[in-house]
Every structure is written in structure tokens, then in C-alpha cells.
Amino acid sequence: MLALRLTRAARPAVQLRRLLVAAASGGTGFLLLGTLGYALGHPQTPGAAVLRLAWCLVPLAATVYFAVAVARTDPGTRPRQGLSAVGLGPARLMAISALTTALSATLGSMLALLVFLHLRGDLTGMPFDGAAAQFLAADQPLPLPAALTLLALVPVCASTAVAVALRPRDPHRPAESTRVFGRFGAYGHSAQQETFGAYGRFGARLLAPAGSRAAAGKKETAQQVPPETTHLGVTDCEAPEQDADQADISATLPPPREAPVGLPWGIATVAAGLAVQAYAGRTSPAPDLTDLPVEAFTVLVGWVLTALGLVLASPGLTHLCGRVLQSVRPGALRLLAGRGLMAEATRVGRPLGVVCAVASAVYALTVLYDGPGPSFGPLTTLGALVVTGSTVATLLTAATEARQCRADTVAALLRLGAPAAMLRSAAALRAAALLAVFGPLALVIANLAALPMAH
């Protein structure tokens, strides 16, 4: 009962995100059912039906990714103090989050089934004067087990991905210490080997950690120097106010993390995807992706590799943007914006890479296509809406998660007297830096991806 209350008593924003997951699941389920209808109506072309099913993997992946992002930002299933005492530990909360995701996705799948049956005329007669009968195979009996199997893909994949993403993780064990011997055969544990000269007289400084010895040395040095003197010969009272604010902000912000390691792999994967698309463009005429011929499978593989490469490279690019913002004597504003980008490189970079991949694909199909005007059918339009809406919603959800994670830092900055306008300016500076990098990148990828589609 308590778990049900935690799930039900959510804020309107959380419920809205769950409804968006249901809507994305409904759109993906309808695309899968449309593939089934096409296979029933065209039994003589099984290759085209398999290719349509392969294209449905793109909105399926976008929907699952969005569901995971929504589950990560759900405050009702976040571990808090006191919940473990009533049986709601991290594992139980993970199960509740996976169950909530499965319920939202199942709701969308059931709505998709009702709409599909209504358009086929199985419920109240044929609507729209039978306009949907051609691609839904209204004259063929619907195999219910196959339809339910396809509809179960989204809830099963989404709940499984949420369970894997939110699984309880053990804290990292400390590094194994090295046993060293002290005076008179006494021994202890130390993380680093020490020389004999570091011990002091009769082992007075035996087994002292290196960090504490360094801190003690700094303390002794600071005691020898007068407190009112600095390295520039200026007293602390005469220090500039801007430097003091910058020092306070630098002390409040978390230390910069190491750069993500996926940038070289991402660049290599993008190059491989573009090479596969260029190889697919050797066919004459070029494959028309809107009609989904079997020859377009190579282009699909190239697009998937390109999107995967952008996802791998985007955290590194985001981290690089933050490092560039902090270069060349940064002020308080640039320091705050750059340190925020470096801390949120992985959380925001991956959804941003997905949005960049989708934007480049849509731009290549709609603007750079050099053949006759592509005719987008209803299922193609629905698939584009599901993928675009899911990726943009995932990016906004990741931004919400990042804001939740830095809430303590923002509160500390406000207590230090940082103006709220500076925090808004830092957010705008982060957005401008990301747009300046990923906007041209999406245009370049789109131009390169459109080359195979040019006749």
C-alpha cells in the first residue's frame, strides 16, 4: 500500500512525463501493428515486411531511452532515509520504478491496439471511408497472438532497461593497502610505501598518511608566514571582490571530473557509419527510404552506426565545451558555466548526441534529398514524430535531472550571496556553448549522410 501511495502521490510534472511515456509507447505499438498489417496484406514480399520491422527498432529504442530517463527523474522512487526500515530499500524502489514504467508502456500499447482495431473496422465499422484499409489489411483476419507479442515488446524492453539502469550498485572498495612495519615489530596498513626517512625519530610519525603529512607541512608553512601577507604583497582586505567571489564559487562547486573516454571511439564509429552510407549510395538509383525497399537496409545500418558514434562522442564534446569556457582567466560566470558542463557531460551529452543524430537525419531526408519530392505516408510521419518527440523529451528530462542533481550546489551559491541572475546567465551560456558546437556538427553530419540519397 505504501508503494502504491509513493507511485500515485507524484507531482503533476511527474505524471505528465509518465503520460508522455504512454504516448510514445502507443505510437511505437501502432507502428509495430502497422508492420503486421503490411505483412498480412503483402505476403508475396516478405523482405519489405522485415525491413519495416527493422525500421521500427528506431522508435522502439527512442521510446525505451525516454522511459529510462523518466524513471531516473522520478522523485517517488528515489532512495531516501527511513524507507529501508519499512521494506523499501534500493532494490524494492527499483522494482517499483520498473513496474511503473511497465504500466505506463502497457497503457500506451493497449490504446494503440484499440486505435488499430478501430481503423481496421473490427469494432464499430470502417472509419474514414476505408482509407486505412490498404496498409492495415482490413480484409485479412488479425492474428491476435502475433499482435499481442508485438505490443509486449515496448513494456518488456522499457521495464527491463529501467531495472538495469536503476539496479543497486555496491560502493567501490578501497584499494588494497600495503602492510608496512614500524618500530619494535609493530605493523599497520598504508596505501603507499614510505621510506625510512619519513618516519621521524623513534617512529613518532609512523604510518601517517601522505595527505595528512602534506597538510601538516602546509599548516606549518602557513604558521611561519604572517596571515596578512600574500604572494603579491597585498593584504587579504585589499584583495579584489571579484577574486573573492571567484574563490567562493570555486570552493563551492564540485571538482571537475575526468574527461569521458568515448570521444575517439565515437569519432571512429561516426566515420564507419558514414562509410557504410557512402557504400550504399553506390547503387543506381539511390534507395528511396520512404518506400522502404530491401536495398535501404544498408543505409539503415549506416545511420545506426552514425547515431551510435554521436552518442559515444557527445559526452566528450560536452566536457570539452566546459573546459573551453574555463580557459584564459575565467571569471565567476564562465567558471560556473564551464564547471557545470564538465560535471554534467555524461548526463546531458548522451541525450544531446541522440538529438543531434535525429536532427541530422530529419534534415537530410527533408531538405537535402536530391530526388523527387519524398512522399511521407502516415506511418512514416508517425514514426518521425515518435522518434523526434521522444529524443527531445529525453533531452529535457535529462536537463531536469541535472537541475535536481545540482540543487544543493545552487542553494550553497545562493547562501554565499550569488545573484540569481548570474545563475540564469550561466545556464544561458551553457546552452549557447552547446548550440555553437552541436548545431554545426548536426549540419555537417546531415550533409555527409545525404550524399548516398542523391541521385
Protein backbone atom coordinates (compact mmCIF):
# COMPACT_ATOMS: atom_id res chain seq x y z
CA MET A 1 0.00 0.00 0.00
CA LEU A 2 2.86 2.38 0.79
CA ALA A 3 4.49 1.61 -2.56
CA LEU A 4 1.22 2.38 -4.31
CA ARG A 5 0.96 5.69 -2.48
CA LEU A 6 4.51 6.62 -3.44
CA THR A 7 3.70 5.96 -7.08
CA ARG A 8 0.30 7.65 -7.07
CA ALA A 9 1.16 10.70 -4.97
CA ALA A 10 3.50 12.19 -7.55
CA ARG A 11 3.64 15.76 -8.71
CA PRO A 12 1.82 16.81 -11.90
CA ALA A 13 5.13 17.12 -13.77
CA VAL A 14 6.00 13.51 -12.97
CA GLN A 15 2.56 12.30 -14.05
CA LEU A 16 2.90 14.28 -17.27
CA ARG A 17 6.20 12.57 -18.06
CA ARG A 18 4.58 9.18 -17.43
CA LEU A 19 1.75 10.08 -19.81
CA LEU A 20 4.35 11.06 -22.41
CA VAL A 21 5.92 7.62 -21.99
CA ALA A 22 2.49 6.09 -22.57
CA ALA A 23 2.02 8.23 -25.69
CA ALA A 24 5.41 7.23 -27.09
CA SER A 25 4.67 3.58 -26.32
CA GLY A 26 1.32 3.89 -28.08
CA GLY A 27 2.93 5.35 -31.19
CA THR A 28 5.58 2.64 -31.30
CA GLY A 29 2.97 -0.08 -30.72
CA PHE A 30 0.86 1.26 -33.59
CA LEU A 31 3.91 1.19 -35.87
CA LEU A 32 4.54 -2.44 -34.95
CA LEU A 33 0.91 -3.30 -35.64
CA GLY A 34 1.13 -1.44 -38.94
CA THR A 35 4.08 -3.64 -39.85
CA LEU A 36 1.97 -6.68 -39.05
CA GLY A 37 -0.84 -5.33 -41.24
CA TYR A 38 1.58 -4.76 -44.11
CA ALA A 39 2.87 -8.33 -43.79
CA LEU A 40 -0.69 -9.68 -43.86
CA GLY A 41 -1.61 -7.64 -46.92
CA HIS A 42 1.61 -8.35 -48.87
CA PRO A 43 2.58 -11.96 -48.29
CA GLN A 44 4.47 -12.04 -51.60
CA THR A 45 7.13 -9.52 -50.37
CA PRO A 46 8.44 -10.77 -47.01
CA GLY A 47 11.67 -8.79 -47.36
CA ALA A 48 9.87 -5.45 -47.32
CA ALA A 49 7.92 -6.50 -44.23
CA VAL A 50 11.13 -7.49 -42.43
CA LEU A 51 12.68 -4.15 -43.35
CA ARG A 52 9.68 -2.29 -41.99
CA LEU A 53 10.04 -4.24 -38.77
CA ALA A 54 13.73 -3.32 -38.66
CA TRP A 55 12.87 0.37 -39.06
CA CYS A 56 10.53 0.02 -36.07
CA LEU A 57 13.58 -0.64 -33.91
CA VAL A 58 14.46 3.06 -34.14
CA PRO A 59 11.26 4.37 -32.45
CA LEU A 60 11.41 1.41 -30.06
CA ALA A 61 14.91 2.41 -28.94
CA ALA A 62 13.87 6.07 -28.63
CA THR A 63 10.85 5.12 -26.50
CA VAL A 64 12.88 2.87 -24.20
CA TYR A 65 15.54 5.56 -23.79
CA PHE A 66 12.87 8.10 -22.88
CA ALA A 67 11.32 5.70 -20.37
CA VAL A 68 14.68 5.23 -18.65
CA ALA A 69 15.20 8.99 -18.46
CA VAL A 70 11.75 9.46 -16.91
CA ALA A 71 12.39 6.71 -14.36
CA ARG A 72 15.68 8.30 -13.32
CA THR A 73 13.98 11.63 -12.56
CA ASP A 74 11.07 10.15 -10.60
CA PRO A 75 11.41 11.52 -7.05
CA GLY A 76 8.96 8.97 -5.65
CA THR A 77 11.29 6.04 -6.31
CA ARG A 78 14.50 7.73 -5.19
CA PRO A 79 16.20 6.14 -2.13
CA ARG A 80 15.66 8.23 0.98
CA GLN A 81 16.34 7.86 4.66
CA GLY A 82 13.81 5.80 6.59
CA LEU A 83 12.38 3.86 3.65
CA SER A 84 14.64 0.85 4.17
CA ALA A 85 13.15 0.41 7.66
CA VAL A 86 9.69 -0.16 6.16
CA GLY A 87 10.92 -2.57 3.48
CA LEU A 88 11.51 -0.07 0.66
CA GLY A 89 15.20 -0.37 0.05
CA PRO A 90 17.02 0.38 -3.21
CA ALA A 91 16.07 -2.99 -4.72
CA ARG A 92 12.37 -2.56 -3.90
CA LEU A 93 12.34 1.00 -5.22
CA MET A 94 13.98 -0.22 -8.42
CA ALA A 95 11.24 -2.83 -8.77
CA ILE A 96 8.55 -0.18 -8.20
CA SER A 97 10.09 2.07 -10.85
CA ALA A 98 10.25 -0.81 -13.34
CA LEU A 99 6.63 -1.71 -12.57
CA THR A 100 5.51 1.89 -13.02
CA THR A 101 7.28 2.05 -16.38
CA ALA A 102 5.69 -1.23 -17.44
CA LEU A 103 2.22 0.08 -16.52
CA SER A 104 2.72 3.31 -18.49
CA ALA A 105 4.01 1.43 -21.53
CA THR A 106 1.21 -1.14 -21.31
CA LEU A 107 -1.37 1.62 -21.21
CA GLY A 108 0.05 3.08 -24.40
CA SER A 109 0.16 -0.33 -26.09
CA MET A 110 -3.48 -1.03 -25.24
CA LEU A 111 -4.51 2.35 -26.64
CA ALA A 112 -2.56 1.54 -29.81
CA LEU A 113 -4.41 -1.76 -30.12
CA LEU A 114 -7.79 -0.05 -29.73
CA VAL A 115 -6.94 2.55 -32.37
CA PHE A 116 -5.63 -0.15 -34.70
CA LEU A 117 -8.79 -2.24 -34.34
CA HIS A 118 -10.95 0.84 -34.82
CA LEU A 119 -9.17 1.80 -38.05
CA ARG A 120 -9.50 -1.73 -39.33
CA GLY A 121 -13.24 -1.64 -38.69
CA ASP A 122 -13.19 -4.50 -36.20
CA LEU A 123 -15.00 -2.50 -33.51
CA THR A 124 -17.55 -0.06 -34.92
CA GLY A 125 -17.20 -0.26 -38.68
CA MET A 126 -14.68 1.16 -41.12
CA PRO A 127 -13.89 4.85 -40.33
CA PHE A 128 -12.59 7.47 -42.75
CA ASP A 129 -14.37 5.72 -45.66
CA GLY A 130 -11.88 2.83 -45.56
CA ALA A 131 -8.79 5.00 -46.12
CA ALA A 132 -6.75 2.91 -43.68
CA ALA A 133 -7.82 -0.46 -45.10
CA GLN A 134 -4.90 -0.63 -47.55
CA PHE A 135 -1.97 -0.55 -45.11
CA LEU A 136 -3.76 -2.24 -42.16
CA ALA A 137 -5.01 -5.31 -44.11
CA ALA A 138 -8.63 -4.84 -43.07
CA ASP A 139 -9.73 -7.71 -45.31
CA GLN A 140 -7.47 -10.21 -43.51
CA PRO A 141 -8.16 -11.76 -40.08
CA LEU A 142 -5.88 -10.36 -37.40
CA PRO A 143 -3.72 -12.99 -35.62
CA LEU A 144 -4.20 -11.93 -32.02
CA PRO A 145 -1.16 -13.79 -30.56
CA ALA A 146 1.15 -12.06 -33.03
CA ALA A 147 -0.39 -8.66 -32.26
CA LEU A 148 -0.05 -9.15 -28.51
CA THR A 149 3.55 -10.31 -28.91
CA LEU A 150 4.44 -7.18 -30.83
CA LEU A 151 2.65 -4.97 -28.31
CA ALA A 152 4.53 -6.60 -25.44
CA LEU A 153 7.90 -5.53 -26.86
CA VAL A 154 7.73 -1.96 -25.57
CA PRO A 155 6.66 -2.73 -21.95
CA VAL A 156 9.13 -5.59 -21.61
CA CYS A 157 12.07 -3.69 -23.11
CA ALA A 158 11.29 -0.48 -21.18
CA SER A 159 10.86 -2.17 -17.78
CA THR A 160 13.98 -4.29 -18.30
CA ALA A 161 16.05 -1.25 -19.25
CA VAL A 162 14.79 0.66 -16.21
CA ALA A 163 15.63 -2.27 -13.93
CA VAL A 164 19.16 -2.48 -15.35
CA ALA A 165 19.72 1.30 -15.18
CA LEU A 166 18.44 1.67 -11.60
CA ARG A 167 19.83 -1.55 -10.14
CA PRO A 168 21.52 -1.14 -6.74
CA ARG A 169 25.26 -0.79 -7.05
CA ASP A 170 27.81 -1.62 -4.38
CA PRO A 171 30.18 1.20 -3.43
CA HIS A 172 33.69 0.93 -4.76
CA ARG A 173 36.01 -0.93 -2.43
CA PRO A 174 39.11 0.96 -1.35
CA ALA A 175 42.40 -0.05 -2.85
CA GLU A 176 44.26 -2.80 -1.07
CA SER A 177 46.68 -1.35 1.41
CA THR A 178 50.28 -2.36 1.76
CA ARG A 179 51.43 -3.75 5.10
CA VAL A 180 54.46 -1.92 6.47
CA PHE A 181 56.40 -2.49 9.68
CA GLY A 182 57.08 0.12 12.29
CA ARG A 183 59.26 0.26 15.34
CA PHE A 184 59.71 -2.79 17.55
CA GLY A 185 57.98 -5.05 15.04
CA ALA A 186 54.59 -3.29 15.23
CA TYR A 187 52.86 -3.11 11.87
CA GLY A 188 49.89 -1.42 10.28
CA HIS A 189 48.43 -0.70 6.82
CA SER A 190 49.30 2.09 4.48
CA ALA A 191 48.13 2.81 0.95
CA GLN A 192 51.64 3.81 -0.18
CA GLN A 193 55.15 2.65 0.60
CA GLU A 194 57.19 5.02 2.72
CA THR A 195 60.93 5.49 3.01
CA PHE A 196 62.83 5.21 6.23
CA GLY A 197 63.40 8.94 6.44
CA ALA A 198 59.68 9.65 6.54
CA TYR A 199 59.20 8.02 9.91
CA GLY A 200 60.80 10.55 12.19
CA ARG A 201 62.54 9.91 15.46
CA PHE A 202 61.60 6.56 17.07
CA GLY A 203 58.60 6.21 14.73
CA ALA A 204 56.81 9.32 16.01
CA ARG A 205 55.24 9.81 12.56
CA LEU A 206 54.72 6.11 11.93
CA LEU A 207 52.02 5.25 9.37
CA ALA A 208 50.90 8.84 8.91
CA PRO A 209 49.04 9.16 5.59
CA ALA A 210 50.75 11.09 2.88
CA GLY A 211 47.85 13.54 2.61
CA SER A 212 47.92 14.33 6.33
CA ARG A 213 51.68 14.89 6.25
CA ALA A 214 51.30 17.24 3.30
CA ALA A 215 48.51 19.08 5.08
CA ALA A 216 50.62 19.32 8.22
CA GLY A 217 53.51 20.69 6.23
CA LYS A 218 51.28 23.32 4.65
CA LYS A 219 49.93 24.21 8.08
CA GLU A 220 53.43 24.67 9.47
CA THR A 221 54.37 26.81 6.47
CA ALA A 222 51.26 28.91 6.90
CA GLN A 223 52.08 29.46 10.56
CA GLN A 224 55.51 30.78 9.63
CA VAL A 225 54.11 33.31 7.13
CA PRO A 226 52.21 36.32 8.54
CA PRO A 227 48.48 35.94 7.82
CA GLU A 228 48.15 39.41 6.41
CA THR A 229 50.75 38.88 3.67
CA THR A 230 50.17 37.31 0.27
CA HIS A 231 52.46 36.34 -2.57
CA LEU A 232 51.71 39.66 -4.26
CA GLY A 233 52.42 41.72 -1.15
CA VAL A 234 48.75 42.65 -0.78
CA THR A 235 46.73 42.01 2.34
CA ASP A 236 43.55 39.94 2.30
CA CYS A 237 41.46 43.01 2.98
CA GLU A 238 42.81 44.61 -0.18
CA ALA A 239 42.01 41.61 -2.44
CA PRO A 240 39.58 42.36 -5.27
CA GLU A 241 35.98 41.47 -4.60
CA GLN A 242 35.69 39.60 -7.89
CA ASP A 243 38.57 37.30 -6.94
CA ALA A 244 36.90 36.61 -3.62
CA ASP A 245 33.64 35.71 -5.35
CA GLN A 246 35.50 33.50 -7.77
CA ALA A 247 37.28 31.74 -4.92
CA ASP A 248 33.99 31.16 -3.11
CA ILE A 249 32.36 29.74 -6.25
CA SER A 250 35.38 27.56 -6.98
CA ALA A 251 35.29 26.19 -3.44
CA THR A 252 31.54 25.56 -3.60
CA LEU A 253 31.45 23.81 -6.95
CA PRO A 254 32.38 20.14 -7.16
CA PRO A 255 35.84 19.39 -8.53
CA PRO A 256 35.97 18.82 -12.30
CA ARG A 257 35.66 15.22 -13.35
CA GLU A 258 37.89 13.44 -15.78
CA ALA A 259 37.03 13.67 -19.44
CA PRO A 260 34.85 10.83 -20.80
CA VAL A 261 36.84 8.26 -22.73
CA GLY A 262 34.35 7.70 -25.55
CA LEU A 263 35.35 10.57 -27.84
CA PRO A 264 37.87 8.65 -30.01
CA TRP A 265 35.56 5.64 -30.25
CA GLY A 266 32.66 7.91 -31.17
CA ILE A 267 34.61 9.59 -33.95
CA ALA A 268 35.64 6.21 -35.33
CA THR A 269 32.05 4.90 -35.21
CA VAL A 270 30.71 8.01 -36.97
CA ALA A 271 33.31 7.58 -39.70
CA ALA A 272 32.32 3.92 -40.08
CA GLY A 273 28.63 4.81 -40.32
CA LEU A 274 29.26 7.46 -42.96
CA ALA A 275 31.41 4.99 -44.89
CA VAL A 276 28.60 2.41 -44.86
CA GLN A 277 26.14 5.03 -46.11
CA ALA A 278 28.55 6.07 -48.85
CA TYR A 279 28.85 2.43 -49.91
CA ALA A 280 25.05 2.18 -50.01
CA GLY A 281 24.97 5.24 -52.26
CA ARG A 282 26.86 3.36 -54.99
CA THR A 283 23.57 1.73 -56.11
CA SER A 284 21.86 3.48 -59.01
CA PRO A 285 19.30 4.81 -58.48
CA ALA A 286 19.78 5.55 -54.79
CA PRO A 287 17.41 3.75 -52.43
CA ASP A 288 14.22 5.63 -51.60
CA LEU A 289 13.98 5.37 -47.83
CA THR A 290 10.34 6.48 -47.70
CA ASP A 291 9.19 3.48 -49.75
CA LEU A 292 11.29 1.12 -47.60
CA PRO A 293 12.84 -1.17 -50.24
CA VAL A 294 15.09 -4.01 -49.22
CA GLU A 295 18.15 -2.13 -50.58
CA ALA A 296 17.72 0.54 -47.90
CA PHE A 297 18.86 -1.86 -45.17
CA THR A 298 22.49 -0.83 -45.71
CA VAL A 299 21.58 2.83 -45.26
CA LEU A 300 19.73 1.90 -42.05
CA VAL A 301 22.84 0.20 -40.69
CA GLY A 302 24.92 3.25 -41.59
CA TRP A 303 22.52 5.58 -39.83
CA VAL A 304 22.53 3.40 -36.71
CA LEU A 305 26.34 3.44 -36.63
CA THR A 306 26.39 7.20 -37.11
CA ALA A 307 23.90 7.74 -34.30
CA LEU A 308 25.84 5.41 -32.00
CA GLY A 309 29.04 7.30 -32.75
CA LEU A 310 27.40 10.63 -31.91
CA VAL A 311 26.12 9.21 -28.62
CA LEU A 312 29.63 7.99 -27.74
CA ALA A 313 31.34 11.23 -28.73
CA SER A 314 28.86 13.74 -27.28
CA PRO A 315 29.90 13.43 -23.60
CA GLY A 316 33.50 14.15 -24.58
CA LEU A 317 32.43 17.13 -26.69
CA THR A 318 30.31 18.46 -23.82
CA HIS A 319 33.24 18.10 -21.43
CA LEU A 320 35.44 19.90 -23.95
CA CYS A 321 32.93 22.76 -24.15
CA GLY A 322 33.11 23.17 -20.39
CA ARG A 323 36.90 23.17 -20.45
CA VAL A 324 36.98 25.81 -23.20
CA LEU A 325 34.60 28.05 -21.23
CA GLN A 326 37.01 27.98 -18.28
CA SER A 327 40.13 28.76 -20.29
CA VAL A 328 42.08 32.05 -20.33
CA ARG A 329 41.48 33.52 -16.85
CA PRO A 330 37.77 32.77 -16.39
CA GLY A 331 35.52 34.94 -14.29
CA ALA A 332 32.86 33.78 -11.92
CA LEU A 333 30.26 33.39 -14.69
CA ARG A 334 32.43 31.37 -17.07
CA LEU A 335 33.78 29.30 -14.21
CA LEU A 336 30.28 28.42 -13.07
CA ALA A 337 29.08 27.58 -16.59
CA GLY A 338 32.17 25.57 -17.53
CA ARG A 339 32.32 23.57 -14.31
CA GLY A 340 28.62 22.76 -14.69
CA LEU A 341 29.15 21.43 -18.21
CA MET A 342 32.07 19.29 -17.11
CA ALA A 343 30.05 17.82 -14.24
CA GLU A 344 27.04 17.10 -16.47
CA ALA A 345 28.98 15.90 -19.52
CA THR A 346 27.72 12.31 -19.44
CA ARG A 347 24.20 13.01 -18.18
CA VAL A 348 23.39 15.69 -20.76
CA GLY A 349 25.84 14.73 -23.51
CA ARG A 350 24.30 11.40 -24.44
CA PRO A 351 20.73 12.70 -24.98
CA LEU A 352 22.22 15.65 -26.84
CA GLY A 353 24.04 13.25 -29.15
CA VAL A 354 20.79 11.40 -29.85
CA VAL A 355 19.04 14.69 -30.66
CA CYS A 356 21.93 15.65 -32.95
CA ALA A 357 21.66 12.32 -34.79
CA VAL A 358 17.89 12.62 -35.21
CA ALA A 359 18.12 16.25 -36.32
CA SER A 360 20.75 15.42 -38.92
CA ALA A 361 18.66 12.51 -40.23
CA VAL A 362 15.48 14.59 -40.48
CA TYR A 363 17.35 17.44 -42.16
CA ALA A 364 18.96 15.07 -44.64
CA LEU A 365 15.62 13.49 -45.54
CA THR A 366 13.53 16.65 -45.84
CA VAL A 367 15.94 19.33 -47.08
CA LEU A 368 18.96 17.72 -48.68
CA TYR A 369 17.14 14.92 -50.52
CA ASP A 370 18.02 15.37 -54.20
CA GLY A 371 15.42 13.07 -55.74
CA PRO A 372 11.76 13.73 -56.47
CA GLY A 373 9.73 15.07 -53.58
CA PRO A 374 9.62 12.29 -50.96
CA SER A 375 6.11 11.20 -50.14
CA PHE A 376 5.79 10.57 -46.43
CA GLY A 377 2.95 8.21 -45.61
CA PRO A 378 1.04 8.21 -42.32
CA LEU A 379 3.20 5.52 -40.74
CA THR A 380 6.41 7.29 -41.75
CA THR A 381 5.11 10.56 -40.32
CA LEU A 382 4.08 8.82 -37.10
CA GLY A 383 7.49 7.20 -36.77
CA ALA A 384 9.25 10.54 -37.29
CA LEU A 385 7.04 12.17 -34.66
CA VAL A 386 7.67 9.38 -32.15
CA VAL A 387 11.45 9.47 -32.62
CA THR A 388 11.71 13.27 -32.64
CA GLY A 389 9.36 13.77 -29.72
CA SER A 390 10.99 11.04 -27.63
CA THR A 391 14.52 12.34 -28.18
CA VAL A 392 13.62 15.96 -27.43
CA ALA A 393 11.64 14.90 -24.35
CA THR A 394 14.61 12.79 -23.22
CA LEU A 395 16.92 15.78 -23.51
CA LEU A 396 14.54 17.96 -21.48
CA THR A 397 14.19 15.20 -18.89
CA ALA A 398 17.98 14.88 -18.64
CA ALA A 399 18.18 18.65 -18.12
CA THR A 400 15.63 18.29 -15.32
CA GLU A 401 17.69 15.52 -13.75
CA ALA A 402 20.82 17.68 -13.95
CA ARG A 403 18.99 20.55 -12.25
CA GLN A 404 17.90 18.20 -9.48
CA CYS A 405 21.45 16.96 -9.00
CA ARG A 406 22.91 20.46 -8.70
CA ALA A 407 20.17 21.75 -6.40
CA ASP A 408 22.48 21.58 -3.36
CA THR A 409 25.20 23.48 -5.20
CA VAL A 410 22.76 26.18 -6.29
CA ALA A 411 21.47 26.51 -2.74
CA ALA A 412 25.03 26.87 -1.44
CA LEU A 413 25.78 29.55 -4.03
CA LEU A 414 22.66 31.47 -3.06
CA ARG A 415 23.68 31.30 0.59
CA LEU A 416 27.06 32.74 -0.37
CA GLY A 417 25.28 35.70 -1.93
CA ALA A 418 25.47 34.77 -5.62
CA PRO A 419 22.74 36.64 -7.51
CA ALA A 420 20.04 34.59 -9.20
CA ALA A 421 20.66 36.50 -12.44
CA MET A 422 24.20 35.10 -12.57
CA LEU A 423 22.86 31.56 -12.28
CA ARG A 424 20.44 32.18 -15.14
CA SER A 425 23.22 33.72 -17.20
CA ALA A 426 25.39 30.66 -16.56
CA ALA A 427 22.58 28.38 -17.77
CA ALA A 428 22.16 30.50 -20.91
CA LEU A 429 25.92 30.42 -21.51
CA ARG A 430 25.95 26.63 -21.23
CA ALA A 431 23.09 26.34 -23.72
CA ALA A 432 24.79 28.76 -26.15
CA ALA A 433 28.08 26.83 -25.97
CA LEU A 434 26.36 23.51 -26.67
CA LEU A 435 24.35 25.01 -29.54
CA ALA A 436 27.51 26.51 -31.05
CA VAL A 437 29.17 23.08 -31.11
CA PHE A 438 26.35 20.64 -31.84
CA GLY A 439 24.46 22.82 -34.34
CA PRO A 440 27.23 22.88 -36.98
CA LEU A 441 28.02 19.25 -36.16
CA ALA A 442 24.45 18.21 -36.99
CA LEU A 443 24.60 20.14 -40.29
CA VAL A 444 27.90 18.52 -41.28
CA ILE A 445 26.64 15.02 -40.47
CA ALA A 446 23.41 15.73 -42.37
CA ASN A 447 25.28 16.84 -45.48
CA LEU A 448 27.50 13.78 -45.38
CA ALA A 449 24.57 11.44 -44.73
CA ALA A 450 22.58 12.92 -47.64
CA LEU A 451 25.22 12.01 -50.20
CA PRO A 452 24.04 8.37 -50.61
CA MET A 453 20.48 9.57 -51.20
CA ALA A 454 21.43 11.91 -54.03
CA HIS A 455 20.53 10.58 -57.49
